[in-house]
Amino acid sequence: MSPELWHPLHDTPAFPPARFGAVADRIARILNTRNDVLLIQAEAVVALEAVAASLSRPGMKVINVVTSLYGGWFGNWMRRTGAEVVDVTAEPARPITVEAVEAALNANPDTKVLALVHAESASGIRNPLEEIVTLARARGVVTVVDAVASVGGHSLDVDQLGIDIAVIGPQKALAGPAGLSALSVSSAAWKLISEEGALRDSILSLIDQKAWLDTGRGALAGTTAPLEFFALEAALDRVEAEGVSQMISRHVRAARATRAALAAMGAELWVELTKCSNLVTAVKLPEGVRAEALLGVAPRVMELSAGVGPGAEQLIRLNHTGRRARFDSVLGNVTAFGMGLRRSGVKADIAAAVDAVALHFGD
């Protein structure tokens, strides 16, 4: 290759093996856990599939909460190896109720695993994590929590809640790279994973991944992606400089400002405030306005997108995740949505919405 074609991202230096353990420890502090933390060299959906494949056994009873396509995938992954999966499915694009999960647990006393998503980026809803984990823990059920879209934007205390496996991705509230993920694993989860018939010799095998822990947390297996790890370290530097509690507060403020502005504008939230995620606000479109049509006429520079999955066809999502959880992004999103409504023939009080955003960021 000629020198003039060289790029600084080519021939990236190797990520020092001695720093992998430190990265895992920094993630453990974000999760508030002393459980083992594994680093997965892939996007978080791979980590979730690895959990399903490593836990699942023929005949194992699993309760799987489905509030989006992600929950549906998890259940199918566990069925693939013969688990008996009971899906507890919410109304389309809505959060699950504690009562529905409790009824499923009572009807299936031999349940070994319960899986759920904490917050759904697809529809902007948040499931009642604390109450559900408490129900499962009282019955000795191993819990799996998809916290990819909640970590850093919502409080997540793995040890205090007693979460057995928490899967995270750094690309959302933590504003890190998408090509890596991580998960924490409790002793109870390791016991279940290690039972006879454990998946071996597979990229999805957590038992195989555990060798990294057992041999001193040096070099990871396979070819390491150094750019992703350098980017993850930079993201963790930012997280620690800000502080996790301050980061969560920033997301709370962005969410509250967005919802107050939408209310002032005259728009309707998809779910009540206590069931919303701090990372994405979903707003219901007025009758006769289609999502793709509004997005086609709204300013395209802001973070507006359609809902994803069944039941979310008439939703618009205003994204205030990660670095977007700040005044200018929130103001731009709200204004762009209001302009999209006006251009679609719907009244929208943009001035009142702007005042509401300013009020929340006034100090």
Foldseek 3Di string as FASTA:
>chain_A
DDPVPDDPVPPDDDDAQVCQVVLQVLVCVLQQDPFGKFKAQFFLLLLLLLLLQLQAAAAAEEEFEDAFVSSVVSQVSNVVRHYHYDYQYDDHNAEGDLVSLLVVCVVCLRHAEYEDEQADPQRQWGYPVLSNLVSCVVSNHAYEYECAQPRLQHDHHCVVSVHAKYKYACVWQLVFDRRMIMMGHHPSSVVSSPDPPGDPPDSSGVVVSCVCVVVPSGDGPDDDDRVRVVRSVVSSVVCVVCDSVNSNVLLQLLQQLLVQLCVQFVWAWPDDPVTGGSFKTKTFDDPPDWQVQLCVQFDVPADWDFRDGPPRRRIIIHGCIHPNSDLVRSLNSSLRSQRSCVVVVHGTDNVRSNVSSCVSVVD
